[in-house]
N, C-alpha and C. Protein backbone atom coordinates (compact mmCIF):
# COMPACT_ATOMS: atom_id res chain seq x y z
N UNK A 1 0.55 -1.12 0.06
CA UNK A 1 0.12 -0.12 -0.19
C UNK A 1 0.97 1.37 -0.13
N UNK A 2 2.16 1.00 0.79
CA UNK A 2 3.31 2.38 1.01
C UNK A 2 3.22 3.13 -0.92
N UNK A 3 4.31 1.49 -1.77
CA UNK A 3 4.48 1.48 -2.89
C UNK A 3 3.49 2.14 -4.11
N UNK A 4 2.05 1.75 -3.46
CA UNK A 4 1.46 2.75 -4.01
C UNK A 4 0.56 3.89 -3.99
N UNK A 5 0.42 4.54 -2.85
CA UNK A 5 0.75 5.95 -2.41
C UNK A 5 2.15 6.72 -2.47
N UNK A 6 3.20 5.76 -2.89
CA UNK A 6 4.66 6.37 -3.30
C UNK A 6 4.42 6.63 -5.35
N UNK A 7 4.11 5.67 -5.36
CA UNK A 7 4.55 5.66 -7.11
C UNK A 7 2.82 6.79 -6.91
N UNK A 8 1.68 7.28 -6.91
CA UNK A 8 0.93 8.02 -6.76
C UNK A 8 1.22 9.91 -6.33
N UNK A 9 2.39 9.48 -5.25
CA UNK A 9 2.64 10.99 -5.12
C UNK A 9 3.61 10.94 -6.48
N UNK A 10 4.20 10.49 -6.89
CA UNK A 10 5.40 10.25 -7.97
C UNK A 10 5.02 11.47 -9.48
N UNK A 11 3.43 10.44 -9.69
CA UNK A 11 2.84 10.61 -10.69
C UNK A 11 2.61 12.75 -10.56
N UNK A 12 1.70 12.45 -9.45
CA UNK A 12 1.52 13.84 -9.28
C UNK A 12 2.67 14.85 -9.29
N UNK A 13 3.36 14.18 -8.84
CA UNK A 13 5.08 15.46 -8.69
C UNK A 13 4.70 15.38 -9.87
N UNK A 14 4.98 14.87 -10.68
CA UNK A 14 5.65 14.19 -12.64
C UNK A 14 4.43 15.69 -13.63
N UNK A 15 3.37 15.10 -13.23
CA UNK A 15 2.45 16.22 -13.58
C UNK A 15 1.83 16.99 -13.38
N UNK A 16 2.44 17.75 -12.29
CA UNK A 16 2.84 19.35 -11.95
C UNK A 16 4.28 19.85 -12.82
N UNK A 17 5.40 19.21 -12.18
CA UNK A 17 6.15 19.78 -12.83
C UNK A 17 6.12 19.73 -14.87
N UNK A 18 5.32 18.63 -14.86
CA UNK A 18 5.45 18.61 -16.93
C UNK A 18 4.49 20.06 -17.48
N UNK A 19 3.36 19.99 -16.40
CA UNK A 19 2.98 21.22 -16.97
C UNK A 19 3.67 22.38 -16.86
N UNK A 20 4.31 22.83 -15.64
CA UNK A 20 5.10 24.02 -15.48
C UNK A 20 5.98 24.40 -15.98
N UNK A 21 6.62 22.96 -16.74
CA UNK A 21 8.19 22.68 -17.72
C UNK A 21 7.10 23.15 -18.99
N UNK A 22 6.04 22.92 -19.47
CA UNK A 22 5.54 22.82 -20.59
C UNK A 22 5.01 24.26 -20.64
N UNK A 23 4.83 24.55 -19.28
CA UNK A 23 3.39 26.17 -20.07
C UNK A 23 4.69 26.72 -19.96
N UNK A 24 6.60 26.44 -18.97
CA UNK A 24 6.77 27.92 -18.86
C UNK A 24 7.63 27.81 -20.99
N UNK A 25 7.68 26.45 -20.96
CA UNK A 25 8.84 26.89 -22.33
C UNK A 25 7.94 27.27 -23.68
N UNK A 26 6.14 27.19 -23.39
CA UNK A 26 5.23 27.50 -24.49
C UNK A 26 5.13 29.09 -24.49
N UNK A 27 5.68 29.96 -23.32
CA UNK A 27 5.33 31.02 -22.52
C UNK A 27 6.42 31.87 -23.75
N UNK A 28 7.95 31.27 -23.27
CA UNK A 28 9.32 31.86 -23.81
C UNK A 28 9.31 31.51 -25.06
N UNK A 29 8.05 30.82 -25.72
CA UNK A 29 8.70 30.25 -27.48
C UNK A 29 7.34 31.33 -28.19
N UNK A 30 6.35 31.46 -27.84
CA UNK A 30 5.31 32.52 -27.97
C UNK A 30 5.91 33.91 -27.81
N UNK A 31 6.52 33.97 -27.43
CA UNK A 31 7.07 35.18 -27.02
C UNK A 31 8.25 35.71 -27.56
N UNK A 32 8.75 34.77 -29.03
CA UNK A 32 10.12 35.02 -29.40
C UNK A 32 9.47 35.35 -31.30
N UNK A 33 10.47 35.98 -31.68
CA UNK A 33 9.92 36.53 -33.07
C UNK A 33 10.28 34.96 -33.58
N UNK A 34 9.13 34.92 -34.74
CA UNK A 34 8.82 32.79 -35.12
C UNK A 34 9.43 33.90 -36.63
N UNK A 35 10.55 34.25 -37.03
CA UNK A 35 10.50 34.61 -38.66
C UNK A 35 12.33 34.23 -38.28
N UNK A 36 12.62 34.95 -40.15
CA UNK A 36 13.56 34.51 -40.20
C UNK A 36 14.67 34.80 -39.24
N UNK A 37 15.01 36.03 -38.54
CA UNK A 37 16.13 36.55 -37.83
C UNK A 37 15.55 37.29 -36.59
N UNK A 38 15.69 37.16 -35.44
CA UNK A 38 15.45 37.93 -34.20
C UNK A 38 15.51 39.11 -34.57
N UNK A 39 16.74 39.66 -35.82
CA UNK A 39 17.23 41.23 -35.14
C UNK A 39 16.03 41.72 -36.63
N UNK A 40 15.18 40.95 -36.98
CA UNK A 40 14.65 41.68 -38.14
C UNK A 40 13.50 41.94 -37.79
N UNK A 41 12.31 42.93 -37.62
CA UNK A 41 10.97 43.17 -37.59
C UNK A 41 10.27 42.17 -37.67
N UNK A 42 9.95 41.34 -36.87
CA UNK A 42 8.88 40.39 -37.08
C UNK A 42 8.65 40.05 -35.84
N UNK A 43 7.29 40.01 -36.48
CA UNK A 43 5.95 40.07 -35.05
C UNK A 43 6.33 38.07 -34.42
N UNK A 44 5.95 38.67 -33.43
CA UNK A 44 6.74 37.45 -32.28
C UNK A 44 5.17 36.35 -32.81
N UNK A 45 5.38 34.60 -32.22
CA UNK A 45 4.45 34.06 -31.66
C UNK A 45 2.92 34.25 -31.47
N UNK A 46 2.99 34.96 -29.99
CA UNK A 46 1.81 35.28 -30.07
C UNK A 46 1.11 36.41 -30.66
N UNK A 47 1.65 37.38 -31.76
CA UNK A 47 0.94 38.28 -32.33
C UNK A 47 0.73 38.16 -33.85
N UNK A 48 1.68 36.23 -33.99
CA UNK A 48 1.22 35.82 -35.27
C UNK A 48 -0.77 34.75 -34.96
N UNK A 49 -0.31 34.14 -33.92
CA UNK A 49 -1.07 33.44 -33.49
C UNK A 49 -1.38 33.72 -31.64
N UNK A 50 -2.14 35.26 -32.34
CA UNK A 50 -2.83 35.74 -30.54
C UNK A 50 -3.31 34.91 -28.87
N UNK A 51 -3.64 33.17 -29.61
CA UNK A 51 -4.66 32.79 -28.76
C UNK A 51 -3.21 31.52 -28.07
N UNK A 52 -1.96 31.92 -28.63
CA UNK A 52 -1.67 30.82 -27.86
C UNK A 52 -0.36 31.89 -26.23
N UNK A 53 0.13 32.62 -26.15
CA UNK A 53 0.09 33.26 -25.23
C UNK A 53 -1.38 32.99 -24.07
N UNK A 54 -2.38 33.63 -23.99
CA UNK A 54 -3.31 33.37 -23.14
C UNK A 54 -3.39 31.87 -22.52
N UNK A 55 -3.06 30.66 -23.31
CA UNK A 55 -2.96 29.51 -23.08
C UNK A 55 -1.66 28.58 -22.38
N UNK A 56 -0.89 29.22 -22.54
CA UNK A 56 -0.07 29.65 -22.19
C UNK A 56 0.30 29.87 -20.13
N UNK A 57 -0.61 30.41 -20.16
CA UNK A 57 -0.62 31.42 -19.17
C UNK A 57 -1.65 30.32 -18.51
N UNK A 58 -2.71 29.83 -18.58
CA UNK A 58 -3.91 29.18 -18.41
C UNK A 58 -3.28 27.89 -18.01
N UNK A 59 -2.21 27.78 -18.71
CA UNK A 59 -1.32 26.34 -18.40
C UNK A 59 -1.08 26.26 -17.02
N UNK A 60 0.03 27.79 -17.15
CA UNK A 60 0.58 27.83 -15.91
C UNK A 60 0.00 27.52 -14.10
N UNK A 61 -1.50 28.15 -14.87
CA UNK A 61 -2.04 29.04 -13.44
C UNK A 61 -3.11 27.12 -13.07
N UNK A 62 -2.80 26.39 -14.13
CA UNK A 62 -3.55 25.18 -14.58
C UNK A 62 -2.48 24.71 -13.14
N UNK A 63 -1.27 24.14 -13.43
CA UNK A 63 -0.49 23.38 -12.31
C UNK A 63 -0.91 23.66 -10.99
N UNK A 64 -0.72 24.87 -10.75
CA UNK A 64 -1.08 25.39 -10.04
C UNK A 64 -2.72 25.05 -9.00
N UNK A 65 -3.35 24.87 -9.60
CA UNK A 65 -4.86 24.38 -9.68
C UNK A 65 -4.45 22.78 -9.13
N UNK A 66 -3.91 22.51 -9.97
CA UNK A 66 -3.43 20.89 -9.62
C UNK A 66 -3.09 20.59 -8.24
N UNK A 67 -2.57 21.11 -8.00
CA UNK A 67 -1.80 20.73 -5.92
C UNK A 67 -3.06 21.47 -5.24
N UNK A 68 -3.86 22.56 -5.80
CA UNK A 68 -4.86 22.94 -4.95
C UNK A 68 -5.74 22.02 -4.79
N UNK A 69 -6.65 21.65 -6.19
CA UNK A 69 -7.80 21.18 -6.01
C UNK A 69 -7.44 19.59 -5.54
N UNK A 70 -8.76 18.80 -5.05
CA UNK A 70 -8.21 17.48 -5.54
C UNK A 70 -9.58 17.10 -6.28
N UNK A 71 -9.87 15.58 -5.98
CA UNK A 71 -11.27 15.08 -6.43
C UNK A 71 -11.97 15.66 -8.46
N UNK A 72 -12.77 16.16 -8.41
CA UNK A 72 -13.33 15.87 -9.74
C UNK A 72 -12.79 17.18 -10.11
N UNK A 73 -12.67 18.23 -9.63
CA UNK A 73 -12.62 19.49 -9.33
C UNK A 73 -10.73 19.60 -10.10
N UNK A 74 -9.55 18.56 -10.26
CA UNK A 74 -8.70 17.43 -10.64
C UNK A 74 -8.73 17.27 -11.87
N UNK A 75 -9.88 16.93 -11.81
CA UNK A 75 -10.16 16.02 -13.64
C UNK A 75 -10.62 17.34 -13.90
N UNK A 76 -11.29 17.95 -13.83
CA UNK A 76 -11.71 18.69 -14.75
C UNK A 76 -10.52 19.96 -15.22
N UNK A 77 -9.87 19.85 -14.02
CA UNK A 77 -8.07 21.01 -14.75
C UNK A 77 -7.76 20.49 -15.18
N UNK A 78 -7.67 19.05 -15.45
CA UNK A 78 -6.53 17.85 -16.15
C UNK A 78 -7.35 17.71 -17.82
N UNK A 79 -8.68 18.02 -17.65
CA UNK A 79 -9.32 18.17 -18.74
C UNK A 79 -9.47 19.70 -19.56
N UNK A 80 -9.16 20.64 -19.18
CA UNK A 80 -8.60 21.21 -19.58
C UNK A 80 -7.52 22.22 -19.68
N UNK A 81 -6.31 21.81 -19.25
CA UNK A 81 -4.70 21.55 -19.44
C UNK A 81 -4.89 21.04 -20.77
N UNK A 82 -5.75 19.36 -21.07
CA UNK A 82 -5.71 18.93 -22.45
C UNK A 82 -5.56 20.17 -23.09
N UNK A 83 -6.79 20.79 -23.23
CA UNK A 83 -7.56 21.56 -24.46
C UNK A 83 -6.58 22.96 -25.12
N UNK A 84 -5.66 23.01 -23.44
CA UNK A 84 -4.49 24.11 -23.45
C UNK A 84 -3.13 23.98 -24.14
N UNK A 85 -2.59 22.97 -23.65
CA UNK A 85 -1.63 22.05 -24.70
C UNK A 85 -2.02 22.00 -26.06
N UNK A 86 -3.57 20.67 -26.32
CA UNK A 86 -3.66 20.79 -27.56
C UNK A 86 -3.68 22.16 -28.12
N UNK A 87 -4.29 22.91 -27.96
CA UNK A 87 -4.33 24.63 -28.86
C UNK A 87 -2.57 25.27 -29.00
N UNK A 88 -1.77 24.80 -27.95
CA UNK A 88 -0.35 25.10 -27.84
C UNK A 88 -0.35 24.46 -29.08
N UNK A 89 -0.37 23.77 -29.31
CA UNK A 89 0.48 22.54 -30.46
C UNK A 89 0.01 23.01 -31.99
N UNK A 90 -1.28 23.30 -31.76
CA UNK A 90 -2.31 23.98 -33.11
C UNK A 90 -1.12 24.97 -33.68
N UNK A 91 -1.43 25.92 -32.19
CA UNK A 91 -0.65 27.03 -32.95
C UNK A 91 0.74 27.00 -33.33
N UNK A 92 1.53 26.32 -33.01
CA UNK A 92 2.89 25.93 -33.37
C UNK A 92 3.15 25.62 -34.65
N UNK A 93 2.60 23.86 -34.86
CA UNK A 93 1.79 22.99 -36.71
C UNK A 93 1.50 24.72 -37.19
N UNK A 94 0.49 25.13 -36.73
CA UNK A 94 0.39 26.15 -37.99
C UNK A 94 1.65 26.91 -38.80
N UNK A 95 2.12 27.76 -37.56
CA UNK A 95 3.55 28.41 -37.23
C UNK A 95 4.39 27.63 -38.52
N UNK A 96 4.72 26.40 -37.99
CA UNK A 96 6.24 25.60 -39.07
C UNK A 96 4.98 25.06 -40.66
N UNK A 97 4.01 25.32 -41.00
CA UNK A 97 3.59 24.99 -42.05
C UNK A 97 3.38 26.20 -42.63
N UNK A 98 3.41 28.03 -41.99
CA UNK A 98 3.49 28.95 -42.65
C UNK A 98 4.93 28.73 -43.46
N UNK A 99 5.33 27.86 -43.45
CA UNK A 99 7.23 28.13 -43.98
C UNK A 99 7.80 28.51 -42.84
N UNK A 100 7.42 29.01 -40.92
CA UNK A 100 8.62 29.20 -40.84
C UNK A 100 9.60 28.86 -40.26
N UNK A 101 11.27 29.16 -39.87
CA UNK A 101 11.79 28.88 -39.41
C UNK A 101 11.46 27.75 -38.53
N UNK A 102 11.95 26.50 -38.48
CA UNK A 102 10.75 25.54 -36.84
C UNK A 102 11.58 26.35 -36.06
N UNK A 103 12.29 27.04 -35.20
CA UNK A 103 12.80 26.87 -33.70
C UNK A 103 12.55 27.27 -32.57
N UNK A 104 11.87 27.97 -32.76
CA UNK A 104 10.17 28.94 -31.51
C UNK A 104 9.37 28.50 -31.96
N UNK A 105 8.18 27.59 -32.96
CA UNK A 105 7.58 27.18 -33.27
C UNK A 105 7.37 25.73 -32.72
N UNK A 106 9.31 24.70 -32.99
CA UNK A 106 9.13 23.37 -32.28
C UNK A 106 9.24 23.51 -30.93
N UNK A 107 10.17 24.56 -30.25
CA UNK A 107 9.89 24.79 -28.91
C UNK A 107 8.27 25.10 -28.49
N UNK A 108 7.34 25.96 -29.10
CA UNK A 108 5.90 26.02 -28.34
C UNK A 108 5.33 24.62 -28.49
N UNK A 109 5.33 23.73 -30.15
CA UNK A 109 5.27 22.29 -29.98
C UNK A 109 5.60 21.75 -28.20
N UNK A 110 6.43 21.15 -28.57
CA UNK A 110 7.36 20.69 -27.41
C UNK A 110 6.35 21.40 -26.44
N UNK A 111 6.18 22.19 -25.48
CA UNK A 111 5.95 22.58 -24.67
C UNK A 111 4.11 22.76 -24.32
N UNK A 112 3.54 22.42 -25.75
CA UNK A 112 1.83 22.13 -26.30
C UNK A 112 1.84 20.77 -25.91
N UNK A 113 2.78 19.94 -26.11
CA UNK A 113 2.60 18.62 -26.24
C UNK A 113 3.38 18.34 -24.01
N UNK A 114 3.67 18.98 -23.28
CA UNK A 114 3.88 18.24 -22.33
C UNK A 114 2.61 19.28 -21.37
N UNK A 115 1.96 19.99 -21.76
CA UNK A 115 0.97 20.32 -21.00
C UNK A 115 0.09 19.30 -21.33
N UNK A 116 -0.08 18.36 -22.54
CA UNK A 116 -1.52 17.82 -22.63
C UNK A 116 -1.48 16.79 -21.80
N UNK A 117 -0.21 16.27 -21.98
CA UNK A 117 0.31 15.62 -21.53
C UNK A 117 0.46 15.36 -19.86
N UNK A 118 0.87 16.18 -19.23
CA UNK A 118 0.40 16.69 -18.11
C UNK A 118 -1.19 16.39 -17.79
N UNK A 119 -2.58 17.34 -18.73
CA UNK A 119 -3.64 17.48 -18.79
C UNK A 119 -4.40 15.94 -18.58
N UNK A 120 -3.96 14.81 -19.55
CA UNK A 120 -4.70 13.33 -19.70
C UNK A 120 -4.20 12.89 -18.62
N UNK A 121 -2.58 12.83 -17.85
CA UNK A 121 -2.03 12.70 -16.54
C UNK A 121 -3.32 12.49 -15.78
N UNK A 122 -2.96 13.56 -15.28
CA UNK A 122 -4.03 14.44 -13.89
C UNK A 122 -5.90 14.25 -14.39
N UNK A 123 -6.38 14.37 -15.21
CA UNK A 123 -7.64 13.92 -16.01
C UNK A 123 -7.58 11.98 -15.59
N UNK A 124 -6.75 11.44 -15.75
CA UNK A 124 -6.90 9.92 -15.66
C UNK A 124 -6.99 9.75 -14.77
N UNK A 125 -6.07 10.21 -14.12
CA UNK A 125 -5.58 9.28 -12.04
C UNK A 125 -5.37 10.55 -11.18
N UNK A 126 -6.08 11.93 -11.72
CA UNK A 126 -6.10 13.09 -10.12
C UNK A 126 -6.70 13.10 -9.14
N UNK A 127 -7.82 12.26 -9.64
CA UNK A 127 -8.86 11.67 -8.51
C UNK A 127 -7.48 10.74 -7.03
N UNK A 128 -7.34 10.40 -7.21
CA UNK A 128 -5.71 8.94 -6.45
C UNK A 128 -5.09 9.80 -5.80
N UNK A 129 -4.92 11.33 -6.35
CA UNK A 129 -3.50 12.21 -5.73
C UNK A 129 -3.82 12.52 -4.76
N UNK A 130 -2.71 13.24 -3.88
CA UNK A 130 -2.86 14.03 -2.22
C UNK A 130 -3.41 15.51 -3.09
N UNK A 131 -4.54 15.71 -1.61
CA UNK A 131 -4.93 17.28 -1.72
C UNK A 131 -3.62 17.43 -0.36
N UNK A 132 -3.48 19.55 -1.01
CA UNK A 132 -3.44 20.01 -0.10
C UNK A 132 -3.65 19.93 0.77
N UNK A 133 -3.08 19.84 1.99
CA UNK A 133 -3.41 20.09 3.25
C UNK A 133 -4.05 18.85 3.98
N UNK A 134 -4.58 17.73 2.75
CA UNK A 134 -4.89 16.57 3.41
C UNK A 134 -4.54 16.00 4.66
N UNK A 135 -3.97 16.40 4.39
CA UNK A 135 -2.95 14.94 5.66
C UNK A 135 -3.21 16.16 7.26
N UNK A 136 -3.47 17.17 6.68
CA UNK A 136 -4.23 18.05 8.22
C UNK A 136 -5.15 18.20 8.53
N UNK A 137 -5.97 17.80 7.90
CA UNK A 137 -7.76 18.12 8.37
C UNK A 137 -8.02 16.88 9.02
N UNK A 138 -8.76 17.75 9.89
CA UNK A 138 -9.63 16.96 10.61
C UNK A 138 -10.84 15.90 10.69
N UNK A 139 -11.01 14.84 11.00
CA UNK A 139 -11.67 13.77 10.59
C UNK A 139 -12.85 14.56 11.41
N UNK A 140 -14.30 13.99 11.05
CA UNK A 140 -15.52 14.82 11.32
C UNK A 140 -16.06 13.99 12.72
N UNK A 141 -16.53 14.47 13.72
CA UNK A 141 -16.33 13.61 15.09
C UNK A 141 -18.37 13.31 14.41
N UNK A 142 -19.14 12.76 14.80
CA UNK A 142 -20.57 13.15 14.93
C UNK A 142 -20.70 12.67 16.58
N UNK A 143 -21.28 13.68 16.35
CA UNK A 143 -21.29 13.72 18.45
C UNK A 143 -23.16 14.00 18.72
N UNK A 144 -23.43 13.35 19.84
CA UNK A 144 -25.13 12.80 19.32
C UNK A 144 -25.55 14.67 19.83
N UNK A 145 -26.44 14.98 19.54
CA UNK A 145 -26.97 16.26 19.95
C UNK A 145 -26.42 17.48 19.17
N UNK A 146 -25.42 17.45 18.64
CA UNK A 146 -24.62 18.27 18.07
C UNK A 146 -25.42 18.66 16.28
N UNK A 147 -24.90 19.29 15.03
CA UNK A 147 -24.95 19.36 13.84
C UNK A 147 -25.90 20.53 13.41
N UNK A 148 -26.41 20.81 12.82
CA UNK A 148 -27.96 21.50 11.61
C UNK A 148 -29.17 21.29 11.84
N UNK A 149 -29.31 20.67 12.22
CA UNK A 149 -30.83 19.62 13.24
C UNK A 149 -30.92 20.17 14.41
N UNK A 150 -29.51 20.06 15.26
CA UNK A 150 -29.90 20.19 16.25
C UNK A 150 -29.92 21.43 16.66
N UNK A 151 -29.07 22.20 16.15
CA UNK A 151 -29.00 23.85 16.27
C UNK A 151 -30.14 24.87 15.38
N UNK A 152 -30.99 23.87 14.96
CA UNK A 152 -32.35 24.21 14.62
C UNK A 152 -33.55 24.01 15.20
N UNK A 153 -33.35 22.88 15.82
CA UNK A 153 -35.16 22.71 17.18
C UNK A 153 -34.41 23.05 18.25
N UNK A 154 -32.46 23.34 18.13
CA UNK A 154 -32.59 24.59 20.06
C UNK A 154 -32.86 26.37 19.62
N UNK A 155 -33.48 26.37 18.19
CA UNK A 155 -33.92 27.94 18.38
C UNK A 155 -34.84 27.46 18.10
N UNK A 156 -36.04 26.75 17.84
CA UNK A 156 -37.62 26.46 17.53
C UNK A 156 -37.66 26.43 19.60
N UNK A 157 -36.60 25.98 20.34
CA UNK A 157 -37.33 26.12 21.29
C UNK A 157 -36.89 27.17 21.86
N UNK A 158 -36.79 28.32 21.57
CA UNK A 158 -36.00 29.42 22.33
C UNK A 158 -35.15 29.93 22.92
N UNK A 159 -34.12 27.89 22.34
CA UNK A 159 -32.56 27.96 23.14
C UNK A 159 -31.92 28.57 22.53
N UNK A 160 -30.65 29.51 23.06
CA UNK A 160 -29.95 29.66 22.50
C UNK A 160 -28.70 28.67 22.45
N UNK A 161 -27.99 28.26 21.31
CA UNK A 161 -27.67 26.94 21.44
C UNK A 161 -26.28 27.35 21.20
N UNK A 162 -25.66 28.28 21.30
CA UNK A 162 -24.35 28.88 21.31
C UNK A 162 -23.91 28.51 23.40
N UNK A 163 -25.09 28.41 23.74
CA UNK A 163 -24.36 28.46 25.28
C UNK A 163 -24.87 27.16 25.69
N UNK A 164 -23.72 26.07 26.17
CA UNK A 164 -24.09 24.76 26.30
C UNK A 164 -23.11 24.67 27.29
């Protein structure tokens, strides 16, 4: 059981790091000139394909959301990250298809693939990964006469439920 939990933690760390690295690489690539020479007046990748920079930034934020969320929320973030990664891949492939030198578009492609891979991993396996602060969460203890219904019943009887 401990090896399964350790493997789960490793996959979790790998997905977050893959997402951060992919988003960083994609963000770097889309803010560089995608043309013949960097010293010429050539538009950067984000000017040519305006959706690339927001997708890379969303993926960077998604890495933080993977850490903060758990359960279904993490699966949904994984699906969104997959979409962000695929959007970056589409822009990079479009840049290469336009006959641009492949340097920065290739870097964006690799970043997009890393983001998409992290998203698929999170969507497929994210429910079982550890949650932020879960180790410090206190288990709920049911005590007789407590809870929301007991509080409302006390109010109905005219009692102050805060004084016990």
